[in-house]
Amino acid sequence: MRRFDYAAPTTVQEACQLLASNPGARPLAGGTDLLIQMKERGRNVPLLVSLRRVGELAAMSTNGVLDLGAMVKCGDVAWSADVKKGWPMVVDGADLVGSVQIRNKATIGGNACNAAPSADVVPSLIALDARAHIAGPSGTREIPLLEFFKGPGQTALAQGELLTRISAPRPAAGSGGAYLRHVPRREMDIAVVGVAVNLQLDSDGRTVKDARVVLASVAPTPIRSAAAERALIGQPLNDATLAAAGEGAAADARPISDVRASADYRRELLKVYTRRVAQIAYQRARGS
């Protein structure tokens, strides 16, 4: 590991000032990705700005809005009865991050800021129309979480800016959502494909009134599948609708072929997983 300096600010403003005045500095949250990159891949980080003493970043609220501070641990989300009751699809993703030990260290903000196309917490939050709250030297701003990701390892954060929290509204009545991924191993693996589906049913309890379909690991960033959403909206959730949604997701994907799976295989998986996740979301929307 290369030599680095270390700072432990106690406020968001102090952290932003350190990041702004030290090019190449990186915030340190759980460290489950960054420290490995520094140790095993020789990543040069001249200054680590630890966020562990910035108390406001560790706050989590479920009072009408799901509000997750950047330092909230994935395990805290995965094992929260309140989050599971109001936003179960977020629990689906948080419960898949690494192992139990990693979930006790890895943070929601780190999962987002690492900007891996395979991130498990991100798709559900995007499907819930979550927003990213950002602080920097010039003040604060917020953007849709979908716009936070610019490419593998790349985010919308400018130098000196910090993701402080992610917020998602409570789903409307008659809504249900779910997230599933395909992995070669049950634990300690990353998604070959991931699919999040959030549905809102009409008053008849059968017709899909609104839909959000988010795909992971099949493009440089998490993406929404407009074709899959069009196939679902205004339709009862029958076999034909599910098949059309799966085809739509496969058509919208931009996968690559690598050592883990070919692009064609990823598209076929999307057809299957979109159908499965939509069925789970539908059952949850109906209260079962």
C-alpha atoms as a PDB file:
ATOM      1  CA  MET A   1       0.000   0.000   0.000  1.00  0.00           C
ATOM      2  CA  ARG A   2       1.245   3.476  -0.847  1.00  0.00           C
ATOM      3  CA  ARG A   3       1.732   6.110   1.810  1.00  0.00           C
ATOM      4  CA  PHE A   4      -1.313   8.260   2.578  1.00  0.00           C
ATOM      5  CA  ASP A   5      -2.401  10.928   5.029  1.00  0.00           C
ATOM      6  CA  TYR A   6      -5.502  10.623   7.197  1.00  0.00           C
ATOM      7  CA  ALA A   7      -8.029  13.150   8.475  1.00  0.00           C
ATOM      8  CA  ALA A   8     -11.122  12.665  10.641  1.00  0.00           C
ATOM      9  CA  PRO A   9     -13.384  15.731  10.423  1.00  0.00           C
ATOM     10  CA  THR A  10     -16.459  16.087  12.613  1.00  0.00           C
ATOM     11  CA  THR A  11     -18.706  18.079  10.257  1.00  0.00           C
ATOM     12  CA  VAL A  12     -19.811  17.821   6.640  1.00  0.00           C
ATOM     13  CA  GLN A  13     -18.417  21.289   5.942  1.00  0.00           C
ATOM     14  CA  GLU A  14     -14.978  20.336   7.239  1.00  0.00           C
ATOM     15  CA  ALA A  15     -14.990  17.132   5.192  1.00  0.00           C
ATOM     16  CA  CYS A  16     -15.903  19.037   2.033  1.00  0.00           C
ATOM     17  CA  GLN A  17     -13.141  21.580   2.645  1.00  0.00           C
ATOM     18  CA  LEU A  18     -10.565  18.816   3.009  1.00  0.00           C
ATOM     19  CA  LEU A  19     -11.742  17.120  -0.188  1.00  0.00           C
ATOM     20  CA  ALA A  20     -11.802  20.401  -2.101  1.00  0.00           C
ATOM     21  CA  SER A  21      -8.311  21.472  -1.077  1.00  0.00           C
ATOM     22  CA  ASN A  22      -6.601  18.110  -1.602  1.00  0.00           C
ATOM     23  CA  PRO A  23      -6.847  16.816  -5.193  1.00  0.00           C
ATOM     24  CA  GLY A  24      -7.056  13.045  -5.209  1.00  0.00           C
ATOM     25  CA  ALA A  25      -8.395  12.832  -1.657  1.00  0.00           C
ATOM     26  CA  ARG A  26     -11.147  10.307  -1.073  1.00  0.00           C
ATOM     27  CA  PRO A  27     -13.826  10.032   1.628  1.00  0.00           C
ATOM     28  CA  LEU A  28     -13.580   6.890   3.730  1.00  0.00           C
ATOM     29  CA  ALA A  29     -16.878   5.324   4.799  1.00  0.00           C
ATOM     30  CA  GLY A  30     -16.918   1.558   5.426  1.00  0.00           C
ATOM     31  CA  GLY A  31     -13.813   1.050   3.317  1.00  0.00           C
ATOM     32  CA  THR A  32     -14.908  -2.340   1.999  1.00  0.00           C
ATOM     33  CA  ASP A  33     -14.077  -1.313  -1.587  1.00  0.00           C
ATOM     34  CA  LEU A  34     -11.645   1.589  -1.284  1.00  0.00           C
ATOM     35  CA  LEU A  35      -9.187  -0.050   1.115  1.00  0.00           C
ATOM     36  CA  ILE A  36      -9.023  -3.182  -1.023  1.00  0.00           C
ATOM     37  CA  GLN A  37      -8.294  -1.046  -4.076  1.00  0.00           C
ATOM     38  CA  MET A  38      -5.478   0.665  -2.172  1.00  0.00           C
ATOM     39  CA  LYS A  39      -4.029  -2.548  -0.742  1.00  0.00           C
ATOM     40  CA  GLU A  40      -4.335  -4.945  -3.651  1.00  0.00           C
ATOM     41  CA  ARG A  41      -4.504  -2.747  -6.736  1.00  0.00           C
ATOM     42  CA  GLY A  42      -2.088   0.002  -5.755  1.00  0.00           C
ATOM     43  CA  ARG A  43      -4.622   2.802  -5.994  1.00  0.00           C
ATOM     44  CA  ASN A  44      -2.964   6.086  -5.049  1.00  0.00           C
ATOM     45  CA  VAL A  45      -5.009   8.088  -2.534  1.00  0.00           C
ATOM     46  CA  PRO A  46      -2.912  10.872  -0.983  1.00  0.00           C
ATOM     47  CA  LEU A  47      -5.493  11.696   1.712  1.00  0.00           C
ATOM     48  CA  LEU A  48      -8.229   9.607   3.304  1.00  0.00           C
ATOM     49  CA  VAL A  49     -10.993  11.729   4.785  1.00  0.00           C
ATOM     50  CA  SER A  50     -12.730   9.507   7.314  1.00  0.00           C
ATOM     51  CA  LEU A  51     -16.438  10.180   7.807  1.00  0.00           C
ATOM     52  CA  ARG A  52     -16.875   8.035  10.920  1.00  0.00           C
ATOM     53  CA  ARG A  53     -16.987  11.058  13.260  1.00  0.00           C
ATOM     54  CA  VAL A  54     -19.551  12.997  11.178  1.00  0.00           C
ATOM     55  CA  GLY A  55     -22.598  11.965  13.180  1.00  0.00           C
ATOM     56  CA  GLU A  56     -25.265  13.434  10.922  1.00  0.00           C
ATOM     57  CA  LEU A  57     -24.241  11.084   8.108  1.00  0.00           C
ATOM     58  CA  ALA A  58     -25.184   8.028  10.181  1.00  0.00           C
ATOM     59  CA  ALA A  59     -28.827   9.018  10.683  1.00  0.00           C
ATOM     60  CA  MET A  60     -31.668   6.876   9.302  1.00  0.00           C
ATOM     61  CA  SER A  61     -35.339   7.878   9.340  1.00  0.00           C
ATOM     62  CA  THR A  62     -38.492   6.080   8.181  1.00  0.00           C
ATOM     63  CA  ASN A  63     -40.956   8.799   9.168  1.00  0.00           C
ATOM     64  CA  GLY A  64     -42.964   9.136   5.946  1.00  0.00           C
ATOM     65  CA  VAL A  65     -39.807   9.263   3.838  1.00  0.00           C
ATOM     66  CA  LEU A  66     -36.967   6.748   3.841  1.00  0.00           C
ATOM     67  CA  ASP A  67     -33.964   8.916   4.638  1.00  0.00           C
ATOM     68  CA  LEU A  68     -30.620   7.121   4.639  1.00  0.00           C
ATOM     69  CA  GLY A  69     -27.493   8.961   5.715  1.00  0.00           C
ATOM     70  CA  ALA A  70     -24.421   8.119   3.658  1.00  0.00           C
ATOM     71  CA  MET A  71     -22.815   6.359   6.641  1.00  0.00           C
ATOM     72  CA  VAL A  72     -25.817   4.145   7.409  1.00  0.00           C
ATOM     73  CA  LYS A  73     -24.608   0.564   7.174  1.00  0.00           C
ATOM     74  CA  CYS A  74     -26.165  -1.866   4.736  1.00  0.00           C
ATOM     75  CA  GLY A  75     -26.820  -4.227   7.630  1.00  0.00           C
ATOM     76  CA  ASP A  76     -28.775  -1.560   9.505  1.00  0.00           C
ATOM     77  CA  VAL A  77     -31.066  -1.291   6.489  1.00  0.00           C
ATOM     78  CA  ALA A  78     -31.275  -5.022   5.835  1.00  0.00           C
ATOM     79  CA  TRP A  79     -32.299  -5.785   9.417  1.00  0.00           C
ATOM     80  CA  SER A  80     -34.617  -2.830   9.995  1.00  0.00           C
ATOM     81  CA  ALA A  81     -38.229  -3.848  10.637  1.00  0.00           C
ATOM     82  CA  ASP A  82     -39.399  -0.336   9.709  1.00  0.00           C
ATOM     83  CA  VAL A  83     -37.616  -0.360   6.351  1.00  0.00           C
ATOM     84  CA  LYS A  84     -38.875  -3.878   5.620  1.00  0.00           C
ATOM     85  CA  LYS A  85     -42.442  -2.804   6.362  1.00  0.00           C
ATOM     86  CA  GLY A  86     -42.438   0.352   4.242  1.00  0.00           C
ATOM     87  CA  TRP A  87     -39.733  -0.267   1.618  1.00  0.00           C
ATOM     88  CA  PRO A  88     -39.174  -4.042   1.402  1.00  0.00           C
ATOM     89  CA  MET A  89     -37.435  -3.855  -1.975  1.00  0.00           C
ATOM     90  CA  VAL A  90     -34.629  -1.814  -0.380  1.00  0.00           C
ATOM     91  CA  VAL A  91     -34.149  -4.602   2.148  1.00  0.00           C
ATOM     92  CA  ASP A  92     -33.963  -7.074  -0.758  1.00  0.00           C
ATOM     93  CA  GLY A  93     -30.873  -5.312  -2.073  1.00  0.00           C
ATOM     94  CA  ALA A  94     -29.192  -4.402   1.214  1.00  0.00           C
ATOM     95  CA  ASP A  95     -29.420  -8.003   2.416  1.00  0.00           C
ATOM     96  CA  LEU A  96     -27.352  -9.162  -0.576  1.00  0.00           C
ATOM     97  CA  VAL A  97     -24.305  -6.928  -0.054  1.00  0.00           C
ATOM     98  CA  GLY A  98     -21.284  -9.129   0.618  1.00  0.00           C
ATOM     99  CA  SER A  99     -21.379 -11.223   3.772  1.00  0.00           C
ATOM    100  CA  VAL A 100     -22.827 -10.491   7.198  1.00  0.00           C
ATOM    101  CA  GLN A 101     -19.441  -9.107   8.249  1.00  0.00           C
ATOM    102  CA  ILE A 102     -19.281  -6.823   5.212  1.00  0.00           C
ATOM    103  CA  ARG A 103     -22.839  -5.621   5.737  1.00  0.00           C
ATOM    104  CA  ASN A 104     -21.769  -4.553   9.215  1.00  0.00           C
ATOM    105  CA  LYS A 105     -19.128  -2.265   7.651  1.00  0.00           C
ATOM    106  CA  ALA A 106     -20.308  -1.344   4.157  1.00  0.00           C
ATOM    107  CA  THR A 107     -22.410   1.807   3.902  1.00  0.00           C
ATOM    108  CA  ILE A 108     -25.294   2.959   1.743  1.00  0.00           C
ATOM    109  CA  GLY A 109     -23.269   5.953   0.571  1.00  0.00           C
ATOM    110  CA  GLY A 110     -20.299   3.782  -0.275  1.00  0.00           C
ATOM    111  CA  ASN A 111     -22.465   1.377  -2.263  1.00  0.00           C
ATOM    112  CA  ALA A 112     -23.642   4.326  -4.335  1.00  0.00           C
ATOM    113  CA  CYS A 113     -20.372   6.255  -4.620  1.00  0.00           C
ATOM    114  CA  ASN A 114     -18.387   3.201  -5.669  1.00  0.00           C
ATOM    115  CA  ALA A 115     -20.594   3.456  -8.786  1.00  0.00           C
ATOM    116  CA  ALA A 116     -20.339  -0.212  -9.694  1.00  0.00           C
ATOM    117  CA  PRO A 117     -22.944  -1.189 -12.316  1.00  0.00           C
ATOM    118  CA  SER A 118     -23.637  -4.257 -10.148  1.00  0.00           C
ATOM    119  CA  ALA A 119     -24.439  -2.373  -6.905  1.00  0.00           C
ATOM    120  CA  ASP A 120     -27.294  -4.158  -5.138  1.00  0.00           C
ATOM    121  CA  VAL A 121     -28.833  -1.342  -3.077  1.00  0.00           C
ATOM    122  CA  VAL A 122     -29.004   1.198  -5.896  1.00  0.00           C
ATOM    123  CA  PRO A 123     -31.602  -0.362  -8.293  1.00  0.00           C
ATOM    124  CA  SER A 124     -34.372  -0.508  -5.687  1.00  0.00           C
ATOM    125  CA  LEU A 125     -33.750   3.080  -4.615  1.00  0.00           C
ATOM    126  CA  ILE A 126     -33.868   4.273  -8.223  1.00  0.00           C
ATOM    127  CA  ALA A 127     -37.121   2.354  -8.759  1.00  0.00           C
ATOM    128  CA  LEU A 128     -38.531   4.267  -5.777  1.00  0.00           C
ATOM    129  CA  ASP A 129     -37.597   7.621  -7.373  1.00  0.00           C
ATOM    130  CA  ALA A 130     -34.949   8.276  -4.730  1.00  0.00           C
ATOM    131  CA  ARG A 131     -32.915  11.463  -4.687  1.00  0.00           C
ATOM    132  CA  ALA A 132     -29.247  12.001  -3.870  1.00  0.00           C
ATOM    133  CA  HIS A 133     -28.439  14.872  -1.500  1.00  0.00           C
ATOM    134  CA  ILE A 134     -25.028  16.413  -2.061  1.00  0.00           C
ATOM    135  CA  ALA A 135     -22.991  18.925  -0.058  1.00  0.00           C
ATOM    136  CA  GLY A 136     -20.008  20.885  -1.307  1.00  0.00           C
ATOM    137  CA  PRO A 137     -17.969  24.059  -0.818  1.00  0.00           C
ATOM    138  CA  SER A 138     -20.667  26.140  -2.507  1.00  0.00           C
ATOM    139  CA  GLY A 139     -23.635  24.694  -0.638  1.00  0.00           C
ATOM    140  CA  THR A 140     -26.054  21.793  -1.101  1.00  0.00           C
ATOM    141  CA  ARG A 141     -27.987  20.360  -4.019  1.00  0.00           C
ATOM    142  CA  GLU A 142     -30.058  17.297  -4.838  1.00  0.00           C
ATOM    143  CA  ILE A 143     -30.543  15.268  -7.987  1.00  0.00           C
ATOM    144  CA  PRO A 144     -32.477  12.134  -8.952  1.00  0.00           C
ATOM    145  CA  LEU A 145     -30.395   9.137  -7.906  1.00  0.00           C
ATOM    146  CA  LEU A 146     -30.539   7.823 -11.473  1.00  0.00           C
ATOM    147  CA  GLU A 147     -28.556  10.888 -12.604  1.00  0.00           C
ATOM    148  CA  PHE A 148     -25.902  10.367  -9.925  1.00  0.00           C
ATOM    149  CA  PHE A 149     -24.143   7.669 -11.969  1.00  0.00           C
ATOM    150  CA  LYS A 150     -22.025   8.652 -14.970  1.00  0.00           C
ATOM    151  CA  GLY A 151     -20.110   5.455 -15.669  1.00  0.00           C
ATOM    152  CA  PRO A 152     -18.262   2.627 -13.894  1.00  0.00           C
ATOM    153  CA  GLY A 153     -16.629   4.269 -10.890  1.00  0.00           C
ATOM    154  CA  GLN A 154     -17.859   7.711 -11.986  1.00  0.00           C
ATOM    155  CA  THR A 155     -20.487   9.857 -10.272  1.00  0.00           C
ATOM    156  CA  ALA A 156     -21.915  13.359 -10.540  1.00  0.00           C
ATOM    157  CA  LEU A 157     -19.839  14.513  -7.563  1.00  0.00           C
ATOM    158  CA  ALA A 158     -17.491  17.413  -8.293  1.00  0.00           C
ATOM    159  CA  GLN A 159     -14.231  17.898  -6.384  1.00  0.00           C
ATOM    160  CA  GLY A 160     -15.019  18.771  -2.797  1.00  0.00           C
ATOM    161  CA  GLU A 161     -18.555  17.416  -2.940  1.00  0.00           C
ATOM    162  CA  LEU A 162     -19.901  14.689  -0.719  1.00  0.00           C
ATOM    163  CA  LEU A 163     -22.995  12.491  -0.894  1.00  0.00           C
ATOM    164  CA  THR A 164     -24.702  13.118   2.440  1.00  0.00           C
ATOM    165  CA  ARG A 165     -27.897  11.091   2.181  1.00  0.00           C
ATOM    166  CA  ILE A 166     -30.361   9.334  -0.100  1.00  0.00           C
ATOM    167  CA  SER A 167     -34.100   9.818   0.342  1.00  0.00           C
ATOM    168  CA  ALA A 168     -37.008   7.862  -1.120  1.00  0.00           C
ATOM    169  CA  PRO A 169     -40.736   8.611  -0.705  1.00  0.00           C
ATOM    170  CA  ARG A 170     -43.073   6.072   0.816  1.00  0.00           C
ATOM    171  CA  PRO A 171     -44.670   4.035  -1.996  1.00  0.00           C
ATOM    172  CA  ALA A 172     -48.242   4.946  -2.843  1.00  0.00           C
ATOM    173  CA  ALA A 173     -51.130   2.758  -1.747  1.00  0.00           C
ATOM    174  CA  GLY A 174     -51.434  -0.371  -3.856  1.00  0.00           C
ATOM    175  CA  SER A 175     -47.691  -0.464  -4.568  1.00  0.00           C
ATOM    176  CA  GLY A 176     -45.184  -3.265  -4.274  1.00  0.00           C
ATOM    177  CA  GLY A 177     -41.582  -3.697  -5.269  1.00  0.00           C
ATOM    178  CA  ALA A 178     -38.812  -6.280  -5.294  1.00  0.00           C
ATOM    179  CA  TYR A 179     -35.188  -6.827  -6.309  1.00  0.00           C
ATOM    180  CA  LEU A 180     -33.440 -10.013  -7.402  1.00  0.00           C
ATOM    181  CA  ARG A 181     -30.040 -10.720  -8.902  1.00  0.00           C
ATOM    182  CA  HIS A 182     -28.388 -13.666 -10.599  1.00  0.00           C
ATOM    183  CA  VAL A 183     -25.044 -14.766  -9.160  1.00  0.00           C
ATOM    184  CA  PRO A 184     -22.950 -17.911  -9.584  1.00  0.00           C
ATOM    185  CA  ARG A 185     -22.621 -18.153  -5.784  1.00  0.00           C
ATOM    186  CA  ARG A 186     -25.164 -17.308  -3.102  1.00  0.00           C
ATOM    187  CA  GLU A 187     -22.793 -15.139  -1.029  1.00  0.00           C
ATOM    188  CA  MET A 188     -19.776 -12.929  -1.668  1.00  0.00           C
ATOM    189  CA  ASP A 189     -20.430 -12.438  -5.365  1.00  0.00           C
ATOM    190  CA  ILE A 190     -21.598  -9.636  -7.625  1.00  0.00           C
ATOM    191  CA  ALA A 191     -24.613  -9.620  -9.879  1.00  0.00           C
ATOM    192  CA  VAL A 192     -24.387 -10.998 -13.400  1.00  0.00           C
ATOM    193  CA  VAL A 193     -27.720  -9.240 -13.836  1.00  0.00           C
ATOM    194  CA  GLY A 194     -29.950  -7.466 -11.327  1.00  0.00           C
ATOM    195  CA  VAL A 195     -33.565  -6.346 -11.698  1.00  0.00           C
ATOM    196  CA  ALA A 196     -35.691  -4.069  -9.512  1.00  0.00           C
ATOM    197  CA  VAL A 197     -39.404  -3.635 -10.234  1.00  0.00           C
ATOM    198  CA  ASN A 198     -41.756  -1.241  -8.467  1.00  0.00           C
ATOM    199  CA  LEU A 199     -45.447  -1.528  -9.376  1.00  0.00           C
ATOM    200  CA  GLN A 200     -48.536   0.444  -8.448  1.00  0.00           C
ATOM    201  CA  LEU A 201     -51.864  -1.262  -9.096  1.00  0.00           C
ATOM    202  CA  ASP A 202     -55.100   0.412 -10.140  1.00  0.00           C
ATOM    203  CA  SER A 203     -58.201   0.367  -7.944  1.00  0.00           C
ATOM    204  CA  ASP A 204     -59.242  -3.002  -9.398  1.00  0.00           C
ATOM    205  CA  GLY A 205     -56.185  -4.609  -7.776  1.00  0.00           C
ATOM    206  CA  ARG A 206     -55.168  -6.264 -11.058  1.00  0.00           C
ATOM    207  CA  THR A 207     -54.175  -3.642 -13.613  1.00  0.00           C
ATOM    208  CA  VAL A 208     -50.734  -2.056 -13.422  1.00  0.00           C
ATOM    209  CA  LYS A 209     -51.219   1.687 -13.043  1.00  0.00           C
ATOM    210  CA  ASP A 210     -47.526   2.611 -12.936  1.00  0.00           C
ATOM    211  CA  ALA A 211     -44.224   0.759 -13.150  1.00  0.00           C
ATOM    212  CA  ARG A 212     -40.519   1.339 -12.663  1.00  0.00           C
ATOM    213  CA  VAL A 213     -38.078  -1.273 -13.943  1.00  0.00           C
ATOM    214  CA  VAL A 214     -34.385  -0.791 -13.174  1.00  0.00           C
ATOM    215  CA  LEU A 215     -31.603  -3.006 -14.520  1.00  0.00           C
ATOM    216  CA  ALA A 216     -28.151  -3.572 -13.036  1.00  0.00           C
ATOM    217  CA  SER A 217     -24.944  -5.115 -14.454  1.00  0.00           C
ATOM    218  CA  VAL A 218     -26.152  -4.788 -18.047  1.00  0.00           C
ATOM    219  CA  ALA A 219     -24.926  -1.268 -18.865  1.00  0.00           C
ATOM    220  CA  PRO A 220     -22.184   1.092 -17.660  1.00  0.00           C
ATOM    221  CA  THR A 221     -24.632   2.434 -15.069  1.00  0.00           C
ATOM    222  CA  PRO A 222     -27.942   1.266 -13.587  1.00  0.00           C
ATOM    223  CA  ILE A 223     -30.652   2.012 -16.163  1.00  0.00           C
ATOM    224  CA  ARG A 224     -34.414   2.169 -16.341  1.00  0.00           C
ATOM    225  CA  SER A 225     -36.060  -0.003 -18.954  1.00  0.00           C
ATOM    226  CA  ALA A 226     -38.676   2.129 -20.683  1.00  0.00           C
ATOM    227  CA  ALA A 227     -39.729  -0.791 -22.890  1.00  0.00           C
ATOM    228  CA  ALA A 228     -40.401  -3.052 -19.914  1.00  0.00           C
ATOM    229  CA  GLU A 229     -42.338  -0.300 -18.177  1.00  0.00           C
ATOM    230  CA  ARG A 230     -44.511   0.299 -21.256  1.00  0.00           C
ATOM    231  CA  ALA A 231     -45.261  -3.404 -21.457  1.00  0.00           C
ATOM    232  CA  LEU A 232     -46.529  -3.405 -17.864  1.00  0.00           C
ATOM    233  CA  ILE A 233     -48.438  -0.116 -17.548  1.00  0.00           C
ATOM    234  CA  GLY A 234     -52.142  -0.394 -18.256  1.00  0.00           C
ATOM    235  CA  GLN A 235     -52.090  -4.195 -18.378  1.00  0.00           C
ATOM    236  CA  PRO A 236     -53.124  -7.010 -16.055  1.00  0.00           C
ATOM    237  CA  LEU A 237     -50.115  -8.995 -14.889  1.00  0.00           C
ATOM    238  CA  ASN A 238     -50.629 -12.162 -16.926  1.00  0.00           C
ATOM    239  CA  ASP A 239     -48.175 -14.399 -18.768  1.00  0.00           C
ATOM    240  CA  ALA A 240     -48.291 -12.297 -21.937  1.00  0.00           C
ATOM    241  CA  THR A 241     -47.598  -9.083 -20.048  1.00  0.00           C
ATOM    242  CA  LEU A 242     -44.727 -10.651 -18.126  1.00  0.00           C
ATOM    243  CA  ALA A 243     -43.186 -12.038 -21.298  1.00  0.00           C
ATOM    244  CA  ALA A 244     -43.431  -8.645 -23.006  1.00  0.00           C
ATOM    245  CA  ALA A 245     -41.788  -6.961 -20.009  1.00  0.00           C
ATOM    246  CA  GLY A 246     -38.931  -9.457 -20.100  1.00  0.00           C
ATOM    247  CA  GLU A 247     -38.402  -8.887 -23.813  1.00  0.00           C
ATOM    248  CA  GLY A 248     -38.467  -5.135 -23.234  1.00  0.00           C
ATOM    249  CA  ALA A 249     -35.812  -5.337 -20.534  1.00  0.00           C
ATOM    250  CA  ALA A 250     -33.575  -7.442 -22.769  1.00  0.00           C
ATOM    251  CA  ALA A 251     -34.006  -4.971 -25.625  1.00  0.00           C
ATOM    252  CA  ASP A 252     -33.075  -1.965 -23.461  1.00  0.00           C
ATOM    253  CA  ALA A 253     -29.994  -3.590 -21.934  1.00  0.00           C
ATOM    254  CA  ARG A 254     -26.471  -2.813 -23.136  1.00  0.00           C
ATOM    255  CA  PRO A 255     -24.522  -5.730 -21.664  1.00  0.00           C
ATOM    256  CA  ILE A 256     -20.940  -6.735 -22.365  1.00  0.00           C
ATOM    257  CA  SER A 257     -19.397 -10.176 -22.639  1.00  0.00           C
ATOM    258  CA  ASP A 258     -16.782 -10.929 -19.992  1.00  0.00           C
ATOM    259  CA  VAL A 259     -15.418 -13.860 -17.990  1.00  0.00           C
ATOM    260  CA  ARG A 260     -18.598 -13.985 -15.925  1.00  0.00           C
ATOM    261  CA  ALA A 261     -21.207 -14.134 -18.700  1.00  0.00           C
ATOM    262  CA  SER A 262     -21.763 -13.343 -22.353  1.00  0.00           C
ATOM    263  CA  ALA A 263     -23.934 -10.456 -23.457  1.00  0.00           C
ATOM    264  CA  ASP A 264     -26.471 -12.873 -24.963  1.00  0.00           C
ATOM    265  CA  TYR A 265     -26.678 -14.857 -21.729  1.00  0.00           C
ATOM    266  CA  ARG A 266     -27.267 -11.674 -19.754  1.00  0.00           C
ATOM    267  CA  ARG A 267     -30.134 -10.732 -22.060  1.00  0.00           C
ATOM    268  CA  GLU A 268     -31.737 -14.149 -21.605  1.00  0.00           C
ATOM    269  CA  LEU A 269     -31.357 -13.847 -17.842  1.00  0.00           C
ATOM    270  CA  LEU A 270     -33.063 -10.458 -17.945  1.00  0.00           C
ATOM    271  CA  LYS A 271     -36.135 -11.983 -19.563  1.00  0.00           C
ATOM    272  CA  VAL A 272     -36.395 -14.531 -16.751  1.00  0.00           C
ATOM    273  CA  TYR A 273     -35.595 -12.215 -13.846  1.00  0.00           C
ATOM    274  CA  THR A 274     -37.836  -9.392 -15.015  1.00  0.00           C
ATOM    275  CA  ARG A 275     -40.757 -11.814 -15.036  1.00  0.00           C
ATOM    276  CA  ARG A 276     -39.848 -13.197 -11.597  1.00  0.00           C
ATOM    277  CA  VAL A 277     -39.337  -9.833  -9.948  1.00  0.00           C
ATOM    278  CA  ALA A 278     -42.519  -8.371 -11.445  1.00  0.00           C
ATOM    279  CA  GLN A 279     -44.490 -11.298 -10.031  1.00  0.00           C
ATOM    280  CA  ILE A 280     -43.047 -10.730  -6.548  1.00  0.00           C
ATOM    281  CA  ALA A 281     -43.744  -6.994  -6.795  1.00  0.00           C
ATOM    282  CA  TYR A 282     -47.320  -7.750  -7.880  1.00  0.00           C
ATOM    283  CA  GLN A 283     -47.868 -10.102  -4.937  1.00  0.00           C
ATOM    284  CA  ARG A 284     -46.537  -7.500  -2.519  1.00  0.00           C
ATOM    285  CA  ALA A 285     -48.753  -4.825  -4.070  1.00  0.00           C
ATOM    286  CA  ARG A 286     -51.741  -7.061  -3.415  1.00  0.00           C
ATOM    287  CA  GLY A 287     -50.627  -7.529   0.187  1.00  0.00           C
ATOM    288  CA  SER A 288     -49.557 -11.169  -0.081  1.00  0.00           C
END
